[in-house]
Amino acid sequence: MSNPIVRITGLTRSFAQGGVTIDVLRGVDLVIEPGEIVALLGPSGSGKSTMLQAIGLLEGGFGGKIEIAGTDASRLGKDQRAAMRRDHIGFVYQFHHLLPDFNAIENVVLPQLVAGTRREEAEARARELLGALGLGQRLEHRPSQLSGGEQQRVAVARALANKPQLVLADEPTGNLDEATADRVFGQFLELVRGEGSAALVATHNERLGALMDRVARLHDGVLDQANGRD
């Protein structure tokens, strides 16, 4: 049996505000198996983004233990954490954060070049991903020439460019209208499943949550989990 791609144990995070300590995460435990797509449901302000930042090794100040691909990330230095993000994790945010001066294919090629992929291979991979997302005719367009849905699909392709074992998505369609969100999210799920990546997707949308393999609900810093679709 393969090891979990994510195992977090007793994850805590507190913030001091106006002399008051706010406990955002209070001893969260979560295991994600390879290829499993988990919905992280909860209202705005429930700590979903904070939890993703912890698992994505984007911030310090967390208590507990975070294991990614069998490695205890809490013991890693800054450069090792950056390498872990580069080699194992892909990120999709609510806002696409594409580089405005580069076209669609360049936005997907660049993270591969940073990881040491040869340009020819990087371009082929980018064409493959963007084509799978229905953007084969939009490769040379810059973000300002793309619709919101198209921009977010480029962001999905970028997140998967380096074949991550884990994709972390924070309200990936939250900035889109409902029809576009449904279409983009369907393509996101299809592509992630096809790539064999695991994913943790933060959303407040119950309907989208029901499309994933399992639901974990974050409320008052505590995680409740369900086996199978909710």
Protein backbone atom coordinates (compact mmCIF):
# COMPACT_ATOMS: atom_id res chain seq x y z
CA MET A 1 0.00 0.00 0.00
CA SER A 2 1.38 3.43 -0.96
CA ASN A 3 2.12 6.08 1.63
CA PRO A 4 -0.21 9.10 1.93
CA ILE A 5 0.79 12.12 -0.10
CA VAL A 6 -0.29 14.33 2.83
CA ARG A 7 -0.43 13.57 6.53
CA ILE A 8 -0.99 16.42 8.94
CA THR A 9 -1.21 15.80 12.67
CA GLY A 10 -2.30 18.26 15.36
CA LEU A 11 -2.02 21.29 13.06
CA THR A 12 -2.50 24.56 14.93
CA ARG A 13 -2.27 28.22 14.00
CA SER A 14 -2.99 31.25 16.18
CA PHE A 15 -2.87 34.98 15.54
CA ALA A 16 -2.60 37.84 18.01
CA GLN A 17 -5.01 40.68 17.25
CA GLY A 18 -5.59 43.66 19.49
CA GLY A 19 -4.16 41.86 22.49
CA VAL A 20 -6.43 38.86 21.87
CA THR A 21 -5.25 35.46 20.65
CA ILE A 22 -7.38 33.98 17.86
CA ASP A 23 -7.08 30.23 17.32
CA VAL A 24 -7.68 29.66 13.60
CA LEU A 25 -6.67 25.98 13.48
CA ARG A 26 -7.10 23.85 16.60
CA GLY A 27 -5.43 20.48 16.26
CA VAL A 28 -6.37 19.54 12.70
CA ASP A 29 -5.62 16.01 11.45
CA LEU A 30 -5.89 15.06 7.78
CA VAL A 31 -4.61 12.29 5.51
CA ILE A 32 -4.81 12.47 1.71
CA GLU A 33 -3.98 9.38 -0.32
CA PRO A 34 -2.28 9.49 -3.75
CA GLY A 35 -4.81 10.39 -6.43
CA GLU A 36 -7.54 11.34 -3.93
CA ILE A 37 -9.45 14.59 -4.45
CA VAL A 38 -10.72 16.07 -1.18
CA ALA A 39 -13.08 19.02 -0.77
CA LEU A 40 -12.27 21.37 2.09
CA LEU A 41 -15.61 23.00 2.86
CA GLY A 42 -16.27 25.85 5.21
CA PRO A 43 -17.63 29.41 5.29
CA SER A 44 -15.46 32.43 4.58
CA GLY A 45 -13.13 33.08 7.49
CA SER A 46 -13.18 29.48 8.70
CA GLY A 47 -9.44 29.01 8.14
CA LYS A 48 -9.45 27.17 4.80
CA SER A 49 -6.82 29.43 3.21
CA THR A 50 -4.68 29.28 6.35
CA MET A 51 -4.78 25.49 6.23
CA LEU A 52 -3.79 25.43 2.55
CA GLN A 53 -0.91 27.82 3.24
CA ALA A 54 0.32 25.47 5.93
CA ILE A 55 0.15 22.35 3.76
CA GLY A 56 1.68 24.27 0.85
CA LEU A 57 4.62 25.28 3.05
CA LEU A 58 3.99 28.93 2.27
CA GLU A 59 4.09 30.25 5.84
CA GLY A 60 5.65 29.43 9.18
CA GLY A 61 4.20 29.80 12.65
CA PHE A 62 2.24 26.55 12.61
CA GLY A 63 2.20 23.92 15.32
CA GLY A 64 1.87 20.21 14.70
CA LYS A 65 3.38 18.04 12.01
CA ILE A 66 3.08 18.27 8.22
CA GLU A 67 4.31 15.37 6.08
CA ILE A 68 4.42 15.72 2.30
CA ALA A 69 5.29 12.68 0.19
CA GLY A 70 6.68 10.94 3.26
CA THR A 71 8.92 13.85 4.30
CA ASP A 72 8.46 15.74 7.57
CA ALA A 73 8.23 19.27 6.16
CA SER A 74 8.44 20.86 9.60
CA ARG A 75 12.11 19.85 9.69
CA LEU A 76 13.00 21.40 6.35
CA GLY A 77 14.92 24.62 5.86
CA LYS A 78 13.78 27.46 3.60
CA ASP A 79 15.49 26.16 0.46
CA GLN A 80 14.29 22.61 1.05
CA ARG A 81 10.71 23.82 1.50
CA ALA A 82 10.96 25.75 -1.77
CA ALA A 83 12.24 22.61 -3.50
CA MET A 84 9.37 20.60 -2.00
CA ARG A 85 6.85 23.09 -3.38
CA ARG A 86 8.52 23.06 -6.78
CA ASP A 87 8.79 19.29 -7.09
CA HIS A 88 5.63 18.03 -5.39
CA ILE A 89 2.95 20.74 -5.13
CA GLY A 90 0.88 22.74 -7.62
CA PHE A 91 -1.21 25.77 -6.62
CA VAL A 92 -4.44 27.22 -8.04
CA TYR A 93 -5.81 30.39 -6.48
CA GLN A 94 -9.13 32.23 -6.75
CA PHE A 95 -7.37 34.86 -8.86
CA HIS A 96 -5.25 33.49 -11.66
CA HIS A 97 -2.04 35.48 -10.92
CA LEU A 98 -0.77 34.97 -14.48
CA LEU A 99 2.24 36.98 -15.63
CA PRO A 100 0.65 39.73 -17.76
CA ASP A 101 3.58 40.21 -20.15
CA PHE A 102 3.69 36.53 -21.15
CA ASN A 103 1.21 34.61 -23.28
CA ALA A 104 -0.67 31.48 -22.22
CA ILE A 105 1.93 28.94 -23.27
CA GLU A 106 4.77 30.99 -21.77
CA ASN A 107 2.96 31.14 -18.42
CA VAL A 108 2.85 27.34 -18.39
CA VAL A 109 6.39 26.88 -19.70
CA LEU A 110 8.10 29.15 -17.15
CA PRO A 111 7.61 27.02 -14.00
CA GLN A 112 8.95 24.04 -15.90
CA LEU A 113 12.09 25.92 -16.90
CA VAL A 114 12.61 26.90 -13.26
CA ALA A 115 12.40 23.19 -12.39
CA GLY A 116 15.10 22.39 -14.95
CA THR A 117 12.96 21.02 -17.79
CA ARG A 118 14.34 21.53 -21.31
CA ARG A 119 12.44 24.18 -23.25
CA GLU A 120 11.30 21.77 -25.98
CA GLU A 121 9.83 19.40 -23.40
CA ALA A 122 8.29 22.29 -21.45
CA GLU A 123 6.57 23.66 -24.54
CA ALA A 124 5.24 20.23 -25.50
CA ARG A 125 3.88 19.74 -21.98
CA ALA A 126 2.28 23.19 -22.02
CA ARG A 127 0.62 22.54 -25.38
CA GLU A 128 -0.69 19.22 -24.10
CA LEU A 129 -2.21 20.71 -20.95
CA LEU A 130 -3.67 23.80 -22.59
CA GLY A 131 -5.09 21.67 -25.40
CA ALA A 132 -6.77 19.38 -22.86
CA LEU A 133 -8.38 22.48 -21.34
CA GLY A 134 -9.74 23.65 -24.68
CA LEU A 135 -7.18 26.42 -25.16
CA GLY A 136 -5.32 25.01 -28.14
CA GLN A 137 -6.25 28.06 -30.22
CA ARG A 138 -5.36 30.56 -27.50
CA LEU A 139 -1.72 29.67 -26.85
CA GLU A 140 -0.30 32.98 -28.07
CA HIS A 141 -2.81 35.18 -26.25
CA ARG A 142 -1.77 37.21 -23.22
CA PRO A 143 -3.94 37.20 -20.09
CA SER A 144 -5.57 40.54 -21.02
CA GLN A 145 -6.78 38.92 -24.26
CA LEU A 146 -8.40 35.97 -22.46
CA SER A 147 -11.74 35.71 -20.67
CA GLY A 148 -11.86 35.07 -16.92
CA GLY A 149 -12.57 31.39 -17.47
CA GLU A 150 -9.74 31.07 -19.97
CA GLN A 151 -7.32 32.79 -17.60
CA GLN A 152 -8.22 30.37 -14.82
CA ARG A 153 -7.75 27.40 -17.14
CA VAL A 154 -4.25 28.65 -17.93
CA ALA A 155 -3.67 28.84 -14.16
CA VAL A 156 -4.81 25.20 -13.84
CA ALA A 157 -2.41 24.15 -16.59
CA ARG A 158 0.41 26.04 -14.87
CA ALA A 159 -0.34 24.28 -11.56
CA LEU A 160 -0.07 20.87 -13.24
CA ALA A 161 2.90 21.71 -15.46
CA ASN A 162 5.53 20.03 -13.26
CA LYS A 163 3.37 16.92 -12.67
CA PRO A 164 2.82 17.56 -8.95
CA GLN A 165 1.75 14.78 -6.65
CA LEU A 166 -0.50 17.28 -4.84
CA VAL A 167 -2.59 20.17 -6.13
CA LEU A 168 -3.83 22.77 -3.63
CA ALA A 169 -6.71 24.88 -4.93
CA ASP A 170 -8.15 27.82 -2.99
CA GLU A 171 -11.64 28.71 -4.29
CA PRO A 172 -10.39 28.01 -7.84
CA THR A 173 -13.65 29.13 -9.50
CA GLY A 174 -14.80 31.62 -6.87
CA ASN A 175 -14.18 34.59 -9.16
CA LEU A 176 -16.25 33.21 -12.05
CA ASP A 177 -19.96 33.25 -12.85
CA GLU A 178 -21.81 30.01 -12.10
CA ALA A 179 -21.93 28.61 -15.63
CA THR A 180 -18.25 29.34 -16.29
CA ALA A 181 -17.31 28.04 -12.83
CA ASP A 182 -19.07 24.74 -13.49
CA ARG A 183 -17.32 24.32 -16.84
CA VAL A 184 -13.86 25.23 -15.55
CA PHE A 185 -14.21 23.12 -12.42
CA GLY A 186 -15.32 20.13 -14.45
CA GLN A 187 -12.23 20.48 -16.63
CA PHE A 188 -10.08 20.92 -13.54
CA LEU A 189 -11.35 17.67 -12.00
CA GLU A 190 -11.02 15.75 -15.26
CA LEU A 191 -7.45 16.92 -15.78
CA VAL A 192 -6.35 16.33 -12.18
CA ARG A 193 -7.80 12.81 -12.27
CA GLY A 194 -6.18 12.15 -15.63
CA GLU A 195 -2.81 13.27 -14.30
CA GLY A 196 -3.18 11.03 -11.23
CA SER A 197 -2.54 13.91 -8.84
CA ALA A 198 -4.10 14.21 -5.40
CA ALA A 199 -5.88 17.48 -4.63
CA LEU A 200 -7.23 19.46 -1.70
CA VAL A 201 -9.77 22.00 -2.92
CA ALA A 202 -11.00 24.73 -0.58
CA THR A 203 -14.48 25.97 -1.39
CA HIS A 204 -17.67 27.18 0.25
CA ASN A 205 -19.69 25.70 -2.63
CA GLU A 206 -21.53 22.58 -1.44
CA ARG A 207 -22.44 21.59 -4.99
CA LEU A 208 -18.84 21.55 -6.14
CA GLY A 209 -17.79 19.76 -2.96
CA ALA A 210 -20.14 16.91 -3.76
CA LEU A 211 -18.25 16.24 -7.02
CA MET A 212 -15.08 15.24 -5.17
CA ASP A 213 -14.06 11.95 -3.57
CA ARG A 214 -14.45 13.06 0.01
CA VAL A 215 -15.51 16.08 2.04
CA ALA A 216 -13.70 17.60 5.01
CA ARG A 217 -15.50 20.43 6.81
CA LEU A 218 -13.61 23.11 8.69
CA HIS A 219 -15.57 24.85 11.43
CA ASP A 220 -14.19 26.85 14.34
CA GLY A 221 -10.71 25.52 13.62
CA VAL A 222 -11.75 21.86 13.85
CA LEU A 223 -11.97 19.47 10.88
CA ASP A 224 -14.85 17.02 10.44
CA GLN A 225 -14.37 14.41 7.74
CA ALA A 226 -16.65 12.15 5.74
CA ASN A 227 -15.80 9.00 3.83
CA GLY A 228 -17.03 9.01 0.25
CA ARG A 229 -19.07 11.75 -1.37
CA ASP A 230 -21.06 13.88 1.05
